[in-house]
Amino acid sequence: MSVRVRRVYEAPEPEDGVRVLVDRLWPRGLSKDAARVDEWPKAMTPSTELRRWYHAGEGSYEEFARRYEAELAEPEAAELLDRLRKTVRTGTVTLLTSTKSLEESHAAVLARLLG
């Protein structure tokens, strides 16, 4: 039972368990077959406004994480997060993102909340 964070462009590994894409947009240049995504809960991803705000460099990672956690408290996202927590209890879950900086990404926030 663990949570992994990987770039979606990396080749799938047997240790990945359930592969969950946590980006709102499908990764450029990647076919669905190559990605081998098991779930894509778009309502659990950062809103377009929050994503644009963060990538524009208007705030710190800490502020982004706080705002994202507030979004995850909304009913639809909270339900998906709870369902993913149940999946983590049964085995490995790999959060997939196209983000280059995994340590300061929404996937890191999710991994912390799931772990």
C-alpha atoms as a PDB file:
ATOM      1  CA  MET A   1       0.000   0.000   0.000  1.00  0.00           C
ATOM      2  CA  SER A   2       1.794   3.061  -1.238  1.00  0.00           C
ATOM      3  CA  VAL A   3       1.487   6.155  -3.385  1.00  0.00           C
ATOM      4  CA  ARG A   4       3.964   6.869  -6.137  1.00  0.00           C
ATOM      5  CA  VAL A   5       4.322  10.021  -8.253  1.00  0.00           C
ATOM      6  CA  ARG A   6       5.726   9.682 -11.751  1.00  0.00           C
ATOM      7  CA  ARG A   7       5.771  11.550 -15.027  1.00  0.00           C
ATOM      8  CA  VAL A   8       3.199  10.142 -17.411  1.00  0.00           C
ATOM      9  CA  TYR A   9       5.824  10.090 -20.165  1.00  0.00           C
ATOM     10  CA  GLU A  10       7.870   7.452 -18.320  1.00  0.00           C
ATOM     11  CA  ALA A  11       7.292   3.848 -19.369  1.00  0.00           C
ATOM     12  CA  PRO A  12       4.775   1.994 -17.206  1.00  0.00           C
ATOM     13  CA  GLU A  13       6.266  -0.360 -14.615  1.00  0.00           C
ATOM     14  CA  PRO A  14       4.739  -3.462 -13.016  1.00  0.00           C
ATOM     15  CA  GLU A  15       5.135  -1.787  -9.598  1.00  0.00           C
ATOM     16  CA  ASP A  16       2.817   1.081 -10.620  1.00  0.00           C
ATOM     17  CA  GLY A  17      -0.353  -0.659  -9.493  1.00  0.00           C
ATOM     18  CA  VAL A  18      -3.361   1.515 -10.356  1.00  0.00           C
ATOM     19  CA  ARG A  19      -2.241   4.319 -12.677  1.00  0.00           C
ATOM     20  CA  VAL A  20      -4.154   7.567 -12.142  1.00  0.00           C
ATOM     21  CA  LEU A  21      -3.711  10.600 -14.396  1.00  0.00           C
ATOM     22  CA  VAL A  22      -4.030  13.683 -12.182  1.00  0.00           C
ATOM     23  CA  ASP A  23      -3.765  16.354 -14.908  1.00  0.00           C
ATOM     24  CA  ARG A  24      -6.852  18.153 -16.223  1.00  0.00           C
ATOM     25  CA  LEU A  25      -5.520  18.083 -19.810  1.00  0.00           C
ATOM     26  CA  TRP A  26      -4.356  15.000 -21.673  1.00  0.00           C
ATOM     27  CA  PRO A  27      -0.537  15.026 -22.055  1.00  0.00           C
ATOM     28  CA  ARG A  28       0.651  16.226 -25.443  1.00  0.00           C
ATOM     29  CA  GLY A  29       2.026  13.678 -27.843  1.00  0.00           C
ATOM     30  CA  LEU A  30       1.067  10.655 -25.752  1.00  0.00           C
ATOM     31  CA  SER A  31      -1.342   8.016 -26.964  1.00  0.00           C
ATOM     32  CA  LYS A  32      -3.846   6.510 -24.571  1.00  0.00           C
ATOM     33  CA  ASP A  33      -2.398   3.060 -25.234  1.00  0.00           C
ATOM     34  CA  ALA A  34       1.130   4.173 -24.333  1.00  0.00           C
ATOM     35  CA  ALA A  35      -0.027   5.951 -21.171  1.00  0.00           C
ATOM     36  CA  ARG A  36      -1.856   2.911 -19.773  1.00  0.00           C
ATOM     37  CA  VAL A  37      -4.012   5.085 -17.519  1.00  0.00           C
ATOM     38  CA  ASP A  38      -6.534   3.235 -15.334  1.00  0.00           C
ATOM     39  CA  GLU A  39      -8.357   6.302 -14.014  1.00  0.00           C
ATOM     40  CA  TRP A  40      -8.597   9.984 -14.936  1.00  0.00           C
ATOM     41  CA  PRO A  41     -10.589  11.848 -12.247  1.00  0.00           C
ATOM     42  CA  LYS A  42     -10.651  15.317 -13.828  1.00  0.00           C
ATOM     43  CA  ALA A  43     -12.794  16.792 -11.036  1.00  0.00           C
ATOM     44  CA  MET A  44      -9.936  16.086  -8.629  1.00  0.00           C
ATOM     45  CA  THR A  45      -7.380  18.064 -10.628  1.00  0.00           C
ATOM     46  CA  PRO A  46      -6.542  21.726  -9.992  1.00  0.00           C
ATOM     47  CA  SER A  47      -8.966  24.157 -11.596  1.00  0.00           C
ATOM     48  CA  THR A  48      -7.903  25.911 -14.766  1.00  0.00           C
ATOM     49  CA  GLU A  49      -7.771  29.219 -12.868  1.00  0.00           C
ATOM     50  CA  LEU A  50      -5.539  27.815 -10.115  1.00  0.00           C
ATOM     51  CA  ARG A  51      -3.262  26.070 -12.590  1.00  0.00           C
ATOM     52  CA  ARG A  52      -2.827  29.259 -14.646  1.00  0.00           C
ATOM     53  CA  TRP A  53      -2.244  31.355 -11.512  1.00  0.00           C
ATOM     54  CA  TYR A  54       0.494  29.014 -10.280  1.00  0.00           C
ATOM     55  CA  HIS A  55       2.241  28.606 -13.642  1.00  0.00           C
ATOM     56  CA  ALA A  56       2.242  32.373 -14.146  1.00  0.00           C
ATOM     57  CA  GLY A  57       4.499  32.600 -11.087  1.00  0.00           C
ATOM     58  CA  GLU A  58       2.055  34.755  -9.144  1.00  0.00           C
ATOM     59  CA  GLY A  59       2.314  32.811  -5.900  1.00  0.00           C
ATOM     60  CA  SER A  60       4.357  30.399  -3.856  1.00  0.00           C
ATOM     61  CA  TYR A  61       4.045  26.630  -3.892  1.00  0.00           C
ATOM     62  CA  GLU A  62       2.760  26.762  -0.323  1.00  0.00           C
ATOM     63  CA  GLU A  63      -0.076  29.090  -1.352  1.00  0.00           C
ATOM     64  CA  PHE A  64      -0.832  26.902  -4.371  1.00  0.00           C
ATOM     65  CA  ALA A  65      -0.995  23.817  -2.140  1.00  0.00           C
ATOM     66  CA  ARG A  66      -3.334  25.593   0.283  1.00  0.00           C
ATOM     67  CA  ARG A  67      -5.663  26.702  -2.516  1.00  0.00           C
ATOM     68  CA  TYR A  68      -5.599  23.265  -4.123  1.00  0.00           C
ATOM     69  CA  GLU A  69      -6.473  21.582  -0.829  1.00  0.00           C
ATOM     70  CA  ALA A  70      -9.452  23.959  -0.569  1.00  0.00           C
ATOM     71  CA  GLU A  71     -10.567  22.853  -4.049  1.00  0.00           C
ATOM     72  CA  LEU A  72     -10.218  19.221  -2.994  1.00  0.00           C
ATOM     73  CA  ALA A  73     -12.644  19.887  -0.131  1.00  0.00           C
ATOM     74  CA  GLU A  74     -15.436  20.625  -2.639  1.00  0.00           C
ATOM     75  CA  PRO A  75     -18.012  17.774  -2.733  1.00  0.00           C
ATOM     76  CA  GLU A  76     -17.208  16.168  -6.102  1.00  0.00           C
ATOM     77  CA  ALA A  77     -13.434  16.338  -5.607  1.00  0.00           C
ATOM     78  CA  ALA A  78     -13.730  15.156  -1.988  1.00  0.00           C
ATOM     79  CA  GLU A  79     -15.727  12.118  -3.097  1.00  0.00           C
ATOM     80  CA  LEU A  80     -13.101  11.209  -5.695  1.00  0.00           C
ATOM     81  CA  LEU A  81     -10.306  11.720  -3.167  1.00  0.00           C
ATOM     82  CA  ASP A  82     -12.045   9.405  -0.689  1.00  0.00           C
ATOM     83  CA  ARG A  83     -12.462   6.776  -3.390  1.00  0.00           C
ATOM     84  CA  LEU A  84      -8.766   7.042  -4.230  1.00  0.00           C
ATOM     85  CA  ARG A  85      -7.874   6.679  -0.536  1.00  0.00           C
ATOM     86  CA  LYS A  86      -9.767   3.372  -0.515  1.00  0.00           C
ATOM     87  CA  THR A  87      -7.810   2.252  -3.572  1.00  0.00           C
ATOM     88  CA  VAL A  88      -4.521   3.111  -1.822  1.00  0.00           C
ATOM     89  CA  ARG A  89      -5.528   0.894   1.121  1.00  0.00           C
ATOM     90  CA  THR A  90      -5.713  -2.105  -1.214  1.00  0.00           C
ATOM     91  CA  GLY A  91      -2.443  -1.601  -3.103  1.00  0.00           C
ATOM     92  CA  THR A  92      -0.102   0.740  -4.903  1.00  0.00           C
ATOM     93  CA  VAL A  93      -1.423   3.825  -6.663  1.00  0.00           C
ATOM     94  CA  THR A  94       0.754   5.791  -9.079  1.00  0.00           C
ATOM     95  CA  LEU A  95      -0.202   9.412  -9.662  1.00  0.00           C
ATOM     96  CA  LEU A  96       0.748  10.418 -13.195  1.00  0.00           C
ATOM     97  CA  THR A  97       1.416  13.957 -14.327  1.00  0.00           C
ATOM     98  CA  SER A  98       3.138  15.713 -17.193  1.00  0.00           C
ATOM     99  CA  THR A  99       4.600  18.250 -14.756  1.00  0.00           C
ATOM    100  CA  LYS A 100       8.399  18.392 -14.806  1.00  0.00           C
ATOM    101  CA  SER A 101       8.853  19.474 -11.178  1.00  0.00           C
ATOM    102  CA  LEU A 102       7.201  16.626  -9.288  1.00  0.00           C
ATOM    103  CA  GLU A 103       8.215  17.916  -5.852  1.00  0.00           C
ATOM    104  CA  GLU A 104       6.313  21.200  -6.251  1.00  0.00           C
ATOM    105  CA  SER A 105       3.256  19.994  -8.108  1.00  0.00           C
ATOM    106  CA  HIS A 106      -0.361  19.184  -7.458  1.00  0.00           C
ATOM    107  CA  ALA A 107       0.605  15.492  -7.633  1.00  0.00           C
ATOM    108  CA  ALA A 108       2.844  15.994  -4.591  1.00  0.00           C
ATOM    109  CA  VAL A 109      -0.075  17.582  -2.722  1.00  0.00           C
ATOM    110  CA  LEU A 110      -2.277  14.604  -3.609  1.00  0.00           C
ATOM    111  CA  ALA A 111       0.401  12.097  -2.605  1.00  0.00           C
ATOM    112  CA  ARG A 112       0.733  13.782   0.791  1.00  0.00           C
ATOM    113  CA  LEU A 113      -3.035  13.711   1.316  1.00  0.00           C
ATOM    114  CA  LEU A 114      -3.253  10.061   0.279  1.00  0.00           C
ATOM    115  CA  GLY A 115      -0.190   8.840   2.142  1.00  0.00           C
END
